[in-house]
N, C-alpha and C. Protein backbone atom coordinates (compact mmCIF):
# COMPACT_ATOMS: atom_id res chain seq x y z
N MET A 1 18.59 -15.11 6.35
CA MET A 1 17.83 -16.33 6.28
C MET A 1 18.54 -17.26 5.31
N ILE A 2 18.72 -18.49 5.73
CA ILE A 2 19.35 -19.52 4.89
C ILE A 2 18.31 -20.59 4.62
N ILE A 3 18.19 -20.95 3.34
CA ILE A 3 17.24 -21.99 2.95
C ILE A 3 18.03 -23.14 2.35
N TYR A 4 17.85 -24.31 2.93
CA TYR A 4 18.46 -25.53 2.40
C TYR A 4 17.36 -26.30 1.69
N SER A 5 17.45 -26.36 0.37
CA SER A 5 16.40 -27.01 -0.40
C SER A 5 16.96 -27.54 -1.70
N ALA A 6 16.37 -28.63 -2.18
CA ALA A 6 16.76 -29.18 -3.48
C ALA A 6 16.02 -28.46 -4.61
N LEU A 7 15.00 -27.69 -4.26
CA LEU A 7 14.23 -26.96 -5.27
C LEU A 7 14.98 -25.70 -5.69
N PRO A 8 14.82 -25.30 -6.94
CA PRO A 8 15.42 -24.03 -7.37
C PRO A 8 14.77 -22.85 -6.66
N LEU A 9 15.54 -21.80 -6.45
CA LEU A 9 15.02 -20.61 -5.77
C LEU A 9 13.86 -19.96 -6.52
N GLU A 10 13.84 -20.13 -7.84
CA GLU A 10 12.76 -19.55 -8.64
C GLU A 10 11.41 -20.18 -8.26
N LEU A 11 11.41 -21.45 -7.89
CA LEU A 11 10.16 -22.09 -7.48
C LEU A 11 9.77 -21.69 -6.06
N ILE A 12 10.73 -21.52 -5.21
CA ILE A 12 10.43 -21.16 -3.83
C ILE A 12 9.89 -19.74 -3.74
N PHE A 13 10.49 -18.83 -4.47
CA PHE A 13 10.12 -17.41 -4.39
C PHE A 13 9.35 -16.94 -5.61
N GLN A 14 8.58 -17.79 -6.24
CA GLN A 14 7.91 -17.42 -7.48
C GLN A 14 6.83 -16.36 -7.30
N ASN A 15 6.21 -16.26 -6.14
CA ASN A 15 5.13 -15.29 -5.95
C ASN A 15 5.57 -14.06 -5.18
N GLU A 16 6.82 -13.92 -4.87
CA GLU A 16 7.29 -12.78 -4.08
C GLU A 16 7.10 -11.45 -4.82
N ASP A 17 7.25 -11.42 -6.12
CA ASP A 17 7.12 -10.17 -6.87
C ASP A 17 5.68 -9.77 -7.10
N ASN A 18 4.75 -10.69 -6.94
CA ASN A 18 3.35 -10.41 -7.23
C ASN A 18 2.57 -9.89 -6.04
N VAL A 19 3.22 -9.77 -4.90
CA VAL A 19 2.54 -9.30 -3.70
C VAL A 19 2.44 -7.78 -3.74
N ALA A 20 1.23 -7.26 -3.61
CA ALA A 20 1.02 -5.82 -3.64
C ALA A 20 0.62 -5.34 -2.24
N TYR A 21 1.38 -4.43 -1.71
CA TYR A 21 1.07 -3.86 -0.41
C TYR A 21 0.59 -2.44 -0.61
N GLU A 22 -0.55 -2.14 -0.05
CA GLU A 22 -1.11 -0.80 -0.17
C GLU A 22 -0.89 -0.06 1.14
N ASN A 23 0.16 0.74 1.19
CA ASN A 23 0.45 1.53 2.38
C ASN A 23 -0.31 2.84 2.31
N MET A 24 -0.64 3.38 3.47
CA MET A 24 -1.31 4.67 3.51
C MET A 24 -0.72 5.50 4.63
N GLU A 25 -0.78 6.80 4.45
CA GLU A 25 -0.25 7.73 5.42
C GLU A 25 -1.39 8.24 6.29
N ILE A 26 -1.23 8.07 7.62
CA ILE A 26 -2.26 8.53 8.55
C ILE A 26 -1.60 9.32 9.66
N GLN A 27 -2.43 9.98 10.44
CA GLN A 27 -1.94 10.74 11.59
C GLN A 27 -2.68 10.26 12.83
N VAL A 28 -1.92 9.80 13.83
CA VAL A 28 -2.48 9.30 15.08
C VAL A 28 -1.85 10.09 16.22
N ASN A 29 -2.66 10.74 17.01
CA ASN A 29 -2.19 11.55 18.15
C ASN A 29 -1.14 12.58 17.72
N GLY A 30 -1.31 13.15 16.55
CA GLY A 30 -0.40 14.17 16.06
C GLY A 30 0.87 13.62 15.44
N VAL A 31 1.00 12.31 15.33
CA VAL A 31 2.19 11.68 14.74
C VAL A 31 1.82 11.12 13.38
N THR A 32 2.51 11.57 12.34
CA THR A 32 2.26 11.08 10.99
C THR A 32 3.07 9.81 10.77
N MET A 33 2.43 8.79 10.20
CA MET A 33 3.10 7.52 9.98
C MET A 33 2.58 6.84 8.73
N LEU A 34 3.41 5.98 8.18
CA LEU A 34 3.05 5.17 7.03
C LEU A 34 2.66 3.80 7.57
N VAL A 35 1.45 3.35 7.27
CA VAL A 35 0.94 2.09 7.82
C VAL A 35 0.45 1.18 6.71
N GLN A 36 0.38 -0.11 7.04
CA GLN A 36 -0.17 -1.10 6.13
C GLN A 36 -1.43 -1.66 6.77
N PRO A 37 -2.60 -1.44 6.16
CA PRO A 37 -3.85 -1.93 6.75
C PRO A 37 -3.83 -3.45 6.87
N CYS A 38 -4.31 -3.95 8.00
CA CYS A 38 -4.38 -5.40 8.20
C CYS A 38 -5.70 -5.81 8.84
N GLY A 39 -6.70 -4.98 8.74
CA GLY A 39 -8.02 -5.29 9.29
C GLY A 39 -8.86 -4.04 9.32
N ILE A 40 -10.05 -4.16 9.87
CA ILE A 40 -10.93 -3.00 9.97
C ILE A 40 -10.43 -2.13 11.12
N ASN A 41 -10.10 -0.89 10.81
CA ASN A 41 -9.58 0.08 11.78
C ASN A 41 -8.32 -0.42 12.48
N GLU A 42 -7.55 -1.26 11.80
CA GLU A 42 -6.32 -1.81 12.37
C GLU A 42 -5.24 -1.75 11.29
N ALA A 43 -4.03 -1.40 11.71
CA ALA A 43 -2.93 -1.31 10.76
C ALA A 43 -1.61 -1.61 11.47
N ARG A 44 -0.60 -1.95 10.67
CA ARG A 44 0.74 -2.19 11.19
C ARG A 44 1.64 -1.04 10.74
N ILE A 45 2.39 -0.48 11.66
CA ILE A 45 3.26 0.66 11.35
C ILE A 45 4.42 0.20 10.48
N VAL A 46 4.61 0.90 9.35
CA VAL A 46 5.73 0.62 8.45
C VAL A 46 6.88 1.57 8.78
N ARG A 47 6.57 2.87 8.91
CA ARG A 47 7.60 3.85 9.28
C ARG A 47 6.95 5.12 9.79
N LEU A 48 7.71 5.86 10.58
CA LEU A 48 7.24 7.14 11.09
C LEU A 48 7.69 8.25 10.16
N ILE A 49 6.87 9.29 10.09
CA ILE A 49 7.22 10.49 9.33
C ILE A 49 6.99 11.65 10.29
N SER A 50 7.99 11.96 11.09
CA SER A 50 7.82 12.96 12.13
C SER A 50 9.12 13.74 12.32
N PRO A 51 9.04 15.05 12.50
CA PRO A 51 10.25 15.83 12.79
C PRO A 51 10.64 15.78 14.26
N ASN A 52 9.76 15.23 15.11
CA ASN A 52 10.01 15.17 16.54
C ASN A 52 10.79 13.91 16.88
N PRO A 53 12.02 14.02 17.40
CA PRO A 53 12.81 12.82 17.71
C PRO A 53 12.22 11.99 18.85
N TYR A 54 11.41 12.58 19.72
CA TYR A 54 10.81 11.83 20.81
C TYR A 54 9.76 10.83 20.31
N ASP A 55 9.17 11.09 19.15
CA ASP A 55 8.21 10.14 18.58
C ASP A 55 8.89 8.83 18.21
N TYR A 56 10.16 8.90 17.78
CA TYR A 56 10.89 7.70 17.39
C TYR A 56 11.30 6.87 18.60
N MET A 57 11.34 7.47 19.78
CA MET A 57 11.72 6.75 20.99
C MET A 57 10.52 6.13 21.69
N ASN A 58 9.32 6.43 21.25
CA ASN A 58 8.11 5.88 21.84
C ASN A 58 7.91 4.45 21.33
N PRO A 59 7.95 3.44 22.21
CA PRO A 59 7.81 2.06 21.74
C PRO A 59 6.44 1.76 21.13
N ALA A 60 5.43 2.56 21.43
CA ALA A 60 4.11 2.35 20.83
C ALA A 60 4.10 2.67 19.33
N TYR A 61 5.05 3.47 18.87
CA TYR A 61 5.12 3.86 17.46
C TYR A 61 6.26 3.16 16.73
N ALA A 62 6.80 2.08 17.27
CA ALA A 62 7.88 1.35 16.62
C ALA A 62 7.35 0.62 15.39
N PRO A 63 8.13 0.53 14.31
CA PRO A 63 7.70 -0.23 13.14
C PRO A 63 7.39 -1.67 13.52
N GLY A 64 6.27 -2.17 13.00
CA GLY A 64 5.82 -3.51 13.30
C GLY A 64 4.71 -3.55 14.34
N GLN A 65 4.54 -2.46 15.09
CA GLN A 65 3.48 -2.40 16.10
C GLN A 65 2.12 -2.24 15.42
N LYS A 66 1.11 -2.83 16.00
CA LYS A 66 -0.25 -2.65 15.49
C LYS A 66 -0.87 -1.45 16.18
N ILE A 67 -1.62 -0.68 15.41
CA ILE A 67 -2.35 0.45 15.95
C ILE A 67 -3.81 0.32 15.53
N TYR A 68 -4.67 0.94 16.30
CA TYR A 68 -6.10 0.96 16.02
C TYR A 68 -6.50 2.42 15.85
N PHE A 69 -7.26 2.69 14.82
CA PHE A 69 -7.62 4.07 14.52
C PHE A 69 -9.03 4.13 13.96
N ARG A 70 -9.59 5.33 13.99
CA ARG A 70 -10.90 5.58 13.40
C ARG A 70 -10.70 6.52 12.22
N PRO A 71 -11.03 6.09 11.01
CA PRO A 71 -10.87 6.96 9.85
C PRO A 71 -11.77 8.18 9.95
N GLU A 72 -11.23 9.32 9.57
CA GLU A 72 -12.01 10.55 9.53
C GLU A 72 -12.10 11.01 8.09
N PHE A 73 -13.30 11.27 7.67
CA PHE A 73 -13.53 11.72 6.30
C PHE A 73 -13.92 13.18 6.31
N SER A 74 -13.42 13.91 5.35
CA SER A 74 -13.77 15.32 5.24
C SER A 74 -14.62 15.54 4.00
N ASN A 75 -15.55 16.45 4.08
CA ASN A 75 -16.41 16.79 2.94
C ASN A 75 -15.74 17.90 2.15
N ARG A 76 -15.19 17.53 1.03
CA ARG A 76 -14.54 18.53 0.17
C ARG A 76 -15.51 18.88 -0.95
N GLU A 77 -15.82 20.13 -1.04
CA GLU A 77 -16.74 20.58 -2.10
C GLU A 77 -16.11 21.65 -2.91
């Protein structure tokens, strides 16, 4: 990306370091992935964590794709 501007780069990118992304690890259809929540029961895939090479070839699990999931909670006592 090239930016042509008379403003200093410090002013253009002053808030870039303050952005906090909360990624979470979930499992969808047996595939473990790191996602970034972007709505209720909706997330964007950041990366796959899978030993199966066929999971990486599935376009539905490509980074940047949106997925919809239902959170499951377990009762730990």
